[in-house]
N, C-alpha and C. Protein backbone atom coordinates (compact mmCIF):
# COMPACT_ATOMS: atom_id res chain seq x y z
N UNK A 1 -24.79 -221.71 -2.56
CA UNK A 1 -24.55 -220.62 -1.63
C UNK A 1 -24.89 -221.12 -0.24
N UNK A 2 -24.01 -220.75 0.71
CA UNK A 2 -24.21 -221.27 2.05
C UNK A 2 -23.63 -220.32 3.10
N UNK A 3 -23.98 -220.61 4.33
CA UNK A 3 -23.47 -219.87 5.48
C UNK A 3 -21.96 -219.95 5.56
N UNK A 4 -21.40 -221.12 5.29
CA UNK A 4 -19.94 -221.28 5.34
C UNK A 4 -19.24 -220.45 4.26
N UNK A 5 -19.85 -220.36 3.09
CA UNK A 5 -19.27 -219.54 2.01
C UNK A 5 -19.27 -218.07 2.43
N UNK A 6 -20.36 -217.62 3.03
CA UNK A 6 -20.42 -216.25 3.52
C UNK A 6 -19.34 -216.02 4.56
N UNK A 7 -19.18 -216.94 5.48
CA UNK A 7 -18.17 -216.79 6.53
C UNK A 7 -16.77 -216.71 5.93
N UNK A 8 -16.50 -217.50 4.92
CA UNK A 8 -15.19 -217.47 4.26
C UNK A 8 -14.91 -216.09 3.67
N UNK A 9 -15.88 -215.50 2.99
CA UNK A 9 -15.70 -214.18 2.40
C UNK A 9 -15.53 -213.10 3.47
N UNK A 10 -16.33 -213.19 4.53
CA UNK A 10 -16.23 -212.20 5.59
C UNK A 10 -14.94 -212.36 6.39
N UNK A 11 -14.47 -213.58 6.54
CA UNK A 11 -13.21 -213.82 7.23
C UNK A 11 -12.06 -213.15 6.48
N UNK A 12 -12.03 -213.30 5.17
CA UNK A 12 -10.97 -212.66 4.37
C UNK A 12 -11.04 -211.14 4.51
N UNK A 13 -12.24 -210.58 4.49
CA UNK A 13 -12.39 -209.14 4.65
C UNK A 13 -11.97 -208.70 6.05
N UNK A 14 -12.32 -209.48 7.06
CA UNK A 14 -12.01 -209.09 8.44
C UNK A 14 -10.50 -209.01 8.68
N UNK A 15 -9.72 -209.80 7.96
CA UNK A 15 -8.26 -209.73 8.08
C UNK A 15 -7.78 -208.34 7.67
N UNK A 16 -8.37 -207.78 6.63
CA UNK A 16 -7.94 -206.49 6.11
C UNK A 16 -8.34 -205.32 7.01
N UNK A 17 -9.34 -205.50 7.86
CA UNK A 17 -9.83 -204.38 8.67
C UNK A 17 -9.64 -204.57 10.17
N UNK A 18 -9.13 -205.71 10.59
CA UNK A 18 -9.09 -206.07 12.01
C UNK A 18 -8.37 -205.05 12.89
N UNK A 19 -7.29 -204.49 12.43
CA UNK A 19 -6.49 -203.60 13.29
C UNK A 19 -6.67 -202.13 12.94
N UNK A 20 -7.68 -201.83 12.17
CA UNK A 20 -7.90 -200.44 11.76
C UNK A 20 -8.91 -199.78 12.68
N UNK A 21 -8.73 -198.48 12.94
CA UNK A 21 -9.74 -197.76 13.72
C UNK A 21 -11.05 -197.69 12.93
N UNK A 22 -12.16 -197.73 13.63
CA UNK A 22 -13.47 -197.60 13.00
C UNK A 22 -13.76 -196.11 12.86
N UNK A 23 -13.44 -195.59 11.68
CA UNK A 23 -13.56 -194.16 11.43
C UNK A 23 -13.84 -193.91 9.95
N UNK A 24 -13.87 -192.64 9.57
CA UNK A 24 -14.18 -192.26 8.19
C UNK A 24 -13.14 -192.80 7.21
N UNK A 25 -11.87 -192.86 7.65
CA UNK A 25 -10.83 -193.39 6.76
C UNK A 25 -11.11 -194.85 6.41
N UNK A 26 -11.59 -195.64 7.38
CA UNK A 26 -11.94 -197.03 7.10
C UNK A 26 -13.13 -197.09 6.15
N UNK A 27 -14.13 -196.26 6.39
CA UNK A 27 -15.30 -196.21 5.49
C UNK A 27 -14.86 -195.89 4.06
N UNK A 28 -14.00 -194.89 3.91
CA UNK A 28 -13.52 -194.52 2.58
C UNK A 28 -12.75 -195.68 1.94
N UNK A 29 -11.91 -196.35 2.72
CA UNK A 29 -11.13 -197.47 2.21
C UNK A 29 -12.04 -198.62 1.76
N UNK A 30 -13.02 -198.96 2.60
CA UNK A 30 -13.95 -200.03 2.25
C UNK A 30 -14.70 -199.70 0.96
N UNK A 31 -15.17 -198.46 0.85
CA UNK A 31 -15.92 -198.09 -0.36
C UNK A 31 -15.02 -198.04 -1.59
N UNK A 32 -13.75 -197.70 -1.41
CA UNK A 32 -12.82 -197.66 -2.54
C UNK A 32 -12.43 -199.06 -3.00
N UNK A 33 -12.26 -199.98 -2.05
CA UNK A 33 -11.75 -201.32 -2.39
C UNK A 33 -12.81 -202.42 -2.41
N UNK A 34 -13.92 -202.20 -1.71
CA UNK A 34 -14.97 -203.23 -1.62
C UNK A 34 -16.35 -202.60 -1.78
N UNK A 35 -16.41 -201.50 -2.54
CA UNK A 35 -17.66 -200.77 -2.72
C UNK A 35 -18.65 -201.51 -3.60
N UNK A 36 -19.78 -200.87 -3.85
CA UNK A 36 -20.92 -201.50 -4.52
C UNK A 36 -20.61 -202.07 -5.90
N UNK A 37 -19.63 -201.54 -6.59
CA UNK A 37 -19.30 -202.05 -7.92
C UNK A 37 -18.25 -203.16 -7.89
N UNK A 38 -17.72 -203.46 -6.71
CA UNK A 38 -16.63 -204.43 -6.61
C UNK A 38 -17.13 -205.87 -6.60
N UNK A 39 -16.28 -206.80 -7.03
CA UNK A 39 -16.65 -208.22 -6.97
C UNK A 39 -16.93 -208.69 -5.54
N UNK A 40 -16.18 -208.19 -4.56
CA UNK A 40 -16.40 -208.65 -3.18
C UNK A 40 -17.78 -208.22 -2.68
N UNK A 41 -18.19 -206.99 -2.95
CA UNK A 41 -19.52 -206.53 -2.56
C UNK A 41 -20.58 -207.37 -3.25
N UNK A 42 -20.44 -207.57 -4.56
CA UNK A 42 -21.43 -208.32 -5.31
C UNK A 42 -21.56 -209.76 -4.80
N UNK A 43 -20.44 -210.36 -4.43
CA UNK A 43 -20.48 -211.73 -3.90
C UNK A 43 -21.18 -211.77 -2.55
N UNK A 44 -20.81 -210.85 -1.65
CA UNK A 44 -21.44 -210.83 -0.32
C UNK A 44 -22.93 -210.54 -0.46
N UNK A 45 -23.30 -209.60 -1.32
CA UNK A 45 -24.72 -209.29 -1.51
C UNK A 45 -25.47 -210.51 -2.04
N UNK A 46 -24.91 -211.18 -3.04
CA UNK A 46 -25.58 -212.36 -3.60
C UNK A 46 -25.77 -213.43 -2.54
N UNK A 47 -24.77 -213.63 -1.69
CA UNK A 47 -24.89 -214.62 -0.61
C UNK A 47 -25.97 -214.21 0.39
N UNK A 48 -26.02 -212.93 0.75
CA UNK A 48 -27.02 -212.47 1.71
C UNK A 48 -28.43 -212.55 1.12
N UNK A 49 -28.60 -212.16 -0.13
CA UNK A 49 -29.91 -212.27 -0.78
C UNK A 49 -30.35 -213.73 -0.81
N UNK A 50 -29.45 -214.61 -1.23
CA UNK A 50 -29.76 -216.04 -1.27
C UNK A 50 -30.11 -216.56 0.12
N UNK A 51 -29.32 -216.16 1.10
CA UNK A 51 -29.57 -216.61 2.48
C UNK A 51 -30.91 -216.15 3.01
N UNK A 52 -31.29 -214.90 2.71
CA UNK A 52 -32.58 -214.40 3.16
C UNK A 52 -33.73 -215.12 2.44
N UNK A 53 -33.56 -215.38 1.15
CA UNK A 53 -34.60 -216.09 0.39
C UNK A 53 -34.73 -217.54 0.83
N UNK A 54 -33.59 -218.18 1.11
CA UNK A 54 -33.59 -219.60 1.48
C UNK A 54 -33.80 -219.85 2.97
N UNK A 55 -33.79 -218.79 3.77
CA UNK A 55 -34.07 -218.92 5.19
C UNK A 55 -32.88 -219.19 6.10
N UNK A 56 -31.66 -219.21 5.57
CA UNK A 56 -30.52 -219.39 6.47
C UNK A 56 -29.97 -218.06 6.98
N UNK A 57 -30.56 -216.95 6.53
CA UNK A 57 -30.32 -215.62 7.09
C UNK A 57 -31.67 -214.97 7.34
N UNK A 58 -31.70 -214.07 8.31
CA UNK A 58 -32.90 -213.27 8.60
C UNK A 58 -34.11 -214.14 8.89
N UNK A 59 -33.90 -215.21 9.63
CA UNK A 59 -34.97 -216.15 9.94
C UNK A 59 -35.83 -215.77 11.14
N UNK A 60 -35.48 -214.69 11.82
CA UNK A 60 -36.28 -214.23 12.96
C UNK A 60 -36.92 -212.90 12.59
N UNK A 61 -37.99 -212.55 13.32
CA UNK A 61 -38.69 -211.31 13.03
C UNK A 61 -39.15 -210.67 14.32
N UNK A 62 -39.00 -209.34 14.39
CA UNK A 62 -39.51 -208.56 15.52
C UNK A 62 -39.79 -207.15 15.02
N UNK A 63 -40.98 -206.67 15.30
CA UNK A 63 -41.33 -205.30 14.94
C UNK A 63 -41.23 -204.98 13.47
N UNK A 64 -41.46 -205.97 12.61
CA UNK A 64 -41.41 -205.75 11.17
C UNK A 64 -40.02 -205.85 10.57
N UNK A 65 -39.04 -206.23 11.36
CA UNK A 65 -37.66 -206.38 10.88
C UNK A 65 -37.28 -207.84 10.97
N UNK A 66 -36.78 -208.38 9.87
CA UNK A 66 -36.27 -209.75 9.86
C UNK A 66 -34.77 -209.66 10.14
N UNK A 67 -34.24 -210.59 10.93
CA UNK A 67 -32.85 -210.47 11.34
C UNK A 67 -32.25 -211.82 11.71
N UNK A 68 -30.93 -211.82 11.80
CA UNK A 68 -30.21 -212.99 12.31
C UNK A 68 -28.81 -212.56 12.72
N UNK A 69 -28.22 -213.35 13.60
CA UNK A 69 -26.80 -213.22 13.94
C UNK A 69 -26.17 -214.55 13.58
N UNK A 70 -25.77 -214.72 12.32
CA UNK A 70 -25.23 -216.01 11.90
C UNK A 70 -23.88 -216.34 12.51
N UNK A 71 -23.12 -215.29 12.91
CA UNK A 71 -21.78 -215.55 13.46
C UNK A 71 -21.53 -214.70 14.70
N UNK A 72 -21.21 -215.38 15.77
CA UNK A 72 -20.79 -214.70 16.99
C UNK A 72 -19.33 -214.29 16.81
N UNK A 73 -18.82 -213.40 17.67
CA UNK A 73 -17.42 -213.00 17.55
C UNK A 73 -16.52 -214.24 17.64
N UNK A 74 -15.51 -214.27 16.77
CA UNK A 74 -14.60 -215.41 16.76
C UNK A 74 -13.25 -214.97 16.23
N UNK A 75 -12.25 -215.79 16.53
CA UNK A 75 -10.91 -215.53 15.98
C UNK A 75 -10.95 -215.59 14.46
N UNK A 76 -11.75 -216.50 13.93
CA UNK A 76 -11.86 -216.67 12.48
C UNK A 76 -12.35 -215.39 11.79
N UNK A 77 -13.14 -214.59 12.53
CA UNK A 77 -13.65 -213.32 12.02
C UNK A 77 -12.97 -212.13 12.69
N UNK A 78 -11.78 -212.38 13.27
CA UNK A 78 -10.98 -211.34 13.91
C UNK A 78 -11.76 -210.56 14.97
N UNK A 79 -12.59 -211.28 15.73
CA UNK A 79 -13.31 -210.68 16.84
C UNK A 79 -14.62 -210.02 16.49
N UNK A 80 -14.99 -210.04 15.22
CA UNK A 80 -16.27 -209.44 14.82
C UNK A 80 -17.40 -210.46 14.92
N UNK A 81 -18.58 -209.98 15.28
CA UNK A 81 -19.79 -210.75 15.09
C UNK A 81 -20.41 -210.25 13.79
N UNK A 82 -21.36 -211.02 13.27
CA UNK A 82 -22.05 -210.63 12.04
C UNK A 82 -23.55 -210.73 12.28
N UNK A 83 -24.25 -209.64 11.99
CA UNK A 83 -25.71 -209.62 12.00
C UNK A 83 -26.16 -209.23 10.60
N UNK A 84 -27.31 -209.73 10.18
CA UNK A 84 -27.90 -209.33 8.90
C UNK A 84 -29.37 -209.02 9.17
N UNK A 85 -29.82 -207.86 8.68
CA UNK A 85 -31.23 -207.47 8.84
C UNK A 85 -31.84 -207.23 7.46
N UNK A 86 -33.12 -207.45 7.39
CA UNK A 86 -33.92 -207.21 6.20
C UNK A 86 -34.98 -206.19 6.62
N UNK A 87 -34.87 -204.97 6.09
CA UNK A 87 -35.73 -203.87 6.52
C UNK A 87 -36.38 -203.20 5.31
N UNK A 88 -37.62 -202.77 5.48
CA UNK A 88 -38.31 -202.03 4.43
C UNK A 88 -39.06 -200.87 5.03
N UNK A 89 -38.64 -199.65 4.69
CA UNK A 89 -39.31 -198.43 5.13
C UNK A 89 -39.65 -198.47 6.61
N UNK A 90 -38.62 -198.64 7.42
CA UNK A 90 -38.83 -198.80 8.85
C UNK A 90 -37.60 -198.32 9.62
N UNK A 91 -37.84 -197.89 10.85
CA UNK A 91 -36.75 -197.55 11.76
C UNK A 91 -36.65 -198.64 12.81
N UNK A 92 -35.46 -199.08 13.07
CA UNK A 92 -35.23 -200.12 14.06
C UNK A 92 -35.04 -199.53 15.45
N UNK A 93 -34.76 -200.38 16.42
CA UNK A 93 -34.59 -199.92 17.80
C UNK A 93 -33.30 -199.12 17.98
N UNK A 94 -33.40 -198.07 18.77
CA UNK A 94 -32.22 -197.24 19.07
C UNK A 94 -31.18 -198.09 19.79
N UNK A 95 -29.93 -197.91 19.38
CA UNK A 95 -28.84 -198.63 20.04
C UNK A 95 -27.54 -197.85 19.94
N UNK A 96 -26.61 -198.25 20.79
CA UNK A 96 -25.28 -197.63 20.88
C UNK A 96 -24.24 -198.66 20.47
N UNK A 97 -23.14 -198.16 19.91
CA UNK A 97 -22.03 -199.01 19.46
C UNK A 97 -20.83 -198.77 20.38
N UNK A 98 -20.66 -199.56 21.43
CA UNK A 98 -19.54 -199.31 22.34
C UNK A 98 -18.18 -199.34 21.65
N UNK A 99 -18.01 -200.25 20.68
CA UNK A 99 -16.73 -200.38 19.98
C UNK A 99 -16.84 -199.99 18.51
N UNK A 100 -17.99 -199.45 18.11
CA UNK A 100 -18.23 -199.08 16.73
C UNK A 100 -19.01 -200.15 15.99
N UNK A 101 -19.34 -199.85 14.75
CA UNK A 101 -20.13 -200.74 13.91
C UNK A 101 -19.76 -200.48 12.46
N UNK A 102 -19.63 -201.55 11.69
CA UNK A 102 -19.36 -201.45 10.26
C UNK A 102 -20.58 -202.03 9.53
N UNK A 103 -21.19 -201.21 8.67
CA UNK A 103 -22.43 -201.61 8.00
C UNK A 103 -22.19 -201.77 6.50
N UNK A 104 -22.66 -202.87 5.96
CA UNK A 104 -22.67 -203.08 4.51
C UNK A 104 -24.12 -202.95 4.06
N UNK A 105 -24.39 -201.91 3.28
CA UNK A 105 -25.75 -201.58 2.85
C UNK A 105 -25.99 -202.18 1.47
N UNK A 106 -27.04 -203.00 1.39
CA UNK A 106 -27.36 -203.72 0.15
C UNK A 106 -28.82 -203.46 -0.24
N UNK A 107 -29.08 -202.35 -0.95
CA UNK A 107 -30.46 -202.06 -1.35
C UNK A 107 -31.03 -203.18 -2.23
N UNK A 108 -32.27 -203.54 -1.96
CA UNK A 108 -32.98 -204.50 -2.81
C UNK A 108 -33.94 -203.78 -3.74
N UNK A 109 -34.32 -202.58 -3.37
CA UNK A 109 -35.16 -201.72 -4.21
C UNK A 109 -34.33 -200.51 -4.63
N UNK A 110 -34.48 -200.10 -5.88
CA UNK A 110 -33.76 -198.94 -6.38
C UNK A 110 -34.07 -197.73 -5.50
N UNK A 111 -33.04 -197.06 -5.03
CA UNK A 111 -33.21 -195.86 -4.23
C UNK A 111 -33.33 -196.09 -2.74
N UNK A 112 -33.38 -197.36 -2.30
CA UNK A 112 -33.47 -197.63 -0.86
C UNK A 112 -32.18 -197.15 -0.18
N UNK A 113 -32.35 -196.53 0.98
CA UNK A 113 -31.20 -196.04 1.75
C UNK A 113 -31.25 -196.55 3.18
N UNK A 114 -30.09 -196.60 3.78
CA UNK A 114 -29.95 -196.94 5.19
C UNK A 114 -29.26 -195.75 5.86
N UNK A 115 -29.96 -195.12 6.80
CA UNK A 115 -29.43 -193.92 7.46
C UNK A 115 -28.91 -192.91 6.44
N UNK A 116 -29.68 -192.72 5.39
CA UNK A 116 -29.41 -191.77 4.30
C UNK A 116 -28.22 -192.16 3.42
N UNK A 117 -27.76 -193.40 3.48
CA UNK A 117 -26.66 -193.88 2.65
C UNK A 117 -27.18 -194.97 1.71
N UNK A 118 -26.72 -194.91 0.47
CA UNK A 118 -27.07 -195.94 -0.50
C UNK A 118 -26.13 -197.12 -0.41
N UNK A 119 -26.05 -197.89 -1.48
CA UNK A 119 -25.24 -199.10 -1.52
C UNK A 119 -23.79 -198.81 -1.17
N UNK A 120 -23.24 -199.66 -0.32
CA UNK A 120 -21.84 -199.52 0.07
C UNK A 120 -21.67 -199.65 1.57
N UNK A 121 -20.60 -199.06 2.06
CA UNK A 121 -20.19 -199.21 3.46
C UNK A 121 -20.42 -197.93 4.25
N UNK A 122 -20.80 -198.11 5.50
CA UNK A 122 -20.94 -197.02 6.46
C UNK A 122 -20.24 -197.48 7.74
N UNK A 123 -19.36 -196.65 8.28
CA UNK A 123 -18.66 -196.99 9.52
C UNK A 123 -19.10 -196.02 10.61
N UNK A 124 -19.58 -196.58 11.71
CA UNK A 124 -19.99 -195.81 12.88
C UNK A 124 -18.89 -195.96 13.94
N UNK A 125 -18.23 -194.87 14.32
CA UNK A 125 -17.14 -194.96 15.29
C UNK A 125 -17.62 -195.41 16.67
N UNK A 126 -16.69 -195.85 17.52
CA UNK A 126 -17.03 -196.24 18.88
C UNK A 126 -17.79 -195.13 19.61
N UNK A 127 -18.80 -195.54 20.37
CA UNK A 127 -19.59 -194.61 21.17
C UNK A 127 -20.75 -193.97 20.45
N UNK A 128 -20.87 -194.17 19.14
CA UNK A 128 -21.99 -193.58 18.41
C UNK A 128 -23.27 -194.36 18.69
N UNK A 129 -24.38 -193.73 18.39
CA UNK A 129 -25.69 -194.35 18.58
C UNK A 129 -26.61 -193.90 17.46
N UNK A 130 -27.61 -194.71 17.16
CA UNK A 130 -28.59 -194.33 16.15
C UNK A 130 -29.82 -195.22 16.25
N UNK A 131 -30.81 -194.82 15.50
CA UNK A 131 -32.01 -195.63 15.28
C UNK A 131 -31.93 -196.02 13.80
N UNK A 132 -31.43 -197.23 13.50
CA UNK A 132 -31.19 -197.61 12.10
C UNK A 132 -32.48 -197.53 11.28
N UNK A 133 -32.38 -196.83 10.15
CA UNK A 133 -33.58 -196.53 9.38
C UNK A 133 -33.37 -196.81 7.90
N UNK A 134 -34.28 -197.60 7.33
CA UNK A 134 -34.30 -197.82 5.88
C UNK A 134 -35.48 -197.05 5.33
N UNK A 135 -35.18 -196.28 4.27
CA UNK A 135 -36.21 -195.48 3.59
C UNK A 135 -36.20 -195.81 2.10
N UNK A 136 -37.30 -195.50 1.46
CA UNK A 136 -37.44 -195.61 0.00
C UNK A 136 -37.35 -197.05 -0.50
N UNK A 137 -37.82 -197.99 0.30
CA UNK A 137 -37.84 -199.38 -0.16
C UNK A 137 -37.19 -200.33 0.82
N UNK A 138 -36.69 -201.40 0.26
CA UNK A 138 -36.18 -202.52 1.06
C UNK A 138 -34.67 -202.65 0.88
N UNK A 139 -33.99 -203.00 1.98
CA UNK A 139 -32.55 -203.22 1.94
C UNK A 139 -32.16 -204.29 2.95
N UNK A 140 -31.11 -205.00 2.60
CA UNK A 140 -30.42 -205.85 3.57
C UNK A 140 -29.24 -205.05 4.09
N UNK A 141 -28.97 -205.19 5.38
CA UNK A 141 -27.80 -204.54 5.97
C UNK A 141 -27.06 -205.58 6.78
N UNK A 142 -25.77 -205.71 6.51
CA UNK A 142 -24.90 -206.61 7.25
C UNK A 142 -24.09 -205.76 8.21
N UNK A 143 -24.10 -206.15 9.50
CA UNK A 143 -23.36 -205.42 10.53
C UNK A 143 -22.18 -206.25 11.00
N UNK A 144 -21.02 -205.63 11.05
CA UNK A 144 -19.86 -206.22 11.71
C UNK A 144 -19.68 -205.45 13.02
N UNK A 145 -19.74 -206.18 14.12
CA UNK A 145 -19.63 -205.55 15.44
C UNK A 145 -18.40 -206.09 16.16
N UNK A 146 -17.43 -205.23 16.49
CA UNK A 146 -16.28 -205.69 17.27
C UNK A 146 -16.75 -206.28 18.60
N UNK A 147 -16.33 -207.50 18.86
CA UNK A 147 -16.69 -208.24 20.08
C UNK A 147 -18.19 -208.47 20.20
N UNK A 148 -18.95 -208.22 19.14
CA UNK A 148 -20.40 -208.37 19.19
C UNK A 148 -21.10 -207.36 20.05
N UNK A 149 -20.40 -206.28 20.39
CA UNK A 149 -20.92 -205.31 21.37
C UNK A 149 -21.96 -204.38 20.76
N UNK A 150 -23.14 -204.37 21.38
CA UNK A 150 -24.22 -203.47 21.00
C UNK A 150 -25.09 -203.28 22.24
N UNK A 151 -25.54 -202.06 22.46
CA UNK A 151 -26.37 -201.76 23.64
C UNK A 151 -27.68 -201.15 23.16
N UNK A 152 -28.76 -201.89 23.30
CA UNK A 152 -30.08 -201.39 22.90
C UNK A 152 -30.65 -200.49 23.99
N UNK A 153 -31.28 -199.39 23.56
CA UNK A 153 -31.81 -198.45 24.54
C UNK A 153 -33.29 -198.16 24.31
N UNK A 154 -33.91 -198.87 23.39
CA UNK A 154 -35.34 -198.68 23.19
C UNK A 154 -35.76 -198.68 21.78
């Protein structure tokens, strides 16, 4: 398992979502075709878990949250950047999504949620903001950000 393997899987997924609006319809489509029971979800989760354990993901820490940005926006990822965080019973810094955000929620503990959502996909439309919060245990969350755009506000 490696960073390049993760990039290959995310590149294939980014082709399918590159020209779609970041909205509830995309969230529903992702969960229907790449949801928690799907082979693509299981592969991405296994790569992220391995990466976090082996140190090639989530190698930095701030405020009790481990994180990394393994991929900056690129043509290979259809303009998305990729961030991965490792959070346990914590709220992260408030931020805004100028172009939206696509989250892949990968609970590591049974019942862990991210912003009240369990395993699967969450799509935040452009202009939304939140304080990302994991409750009831530990989870990895992979973020796809169009153009890598994110605005932290505290």
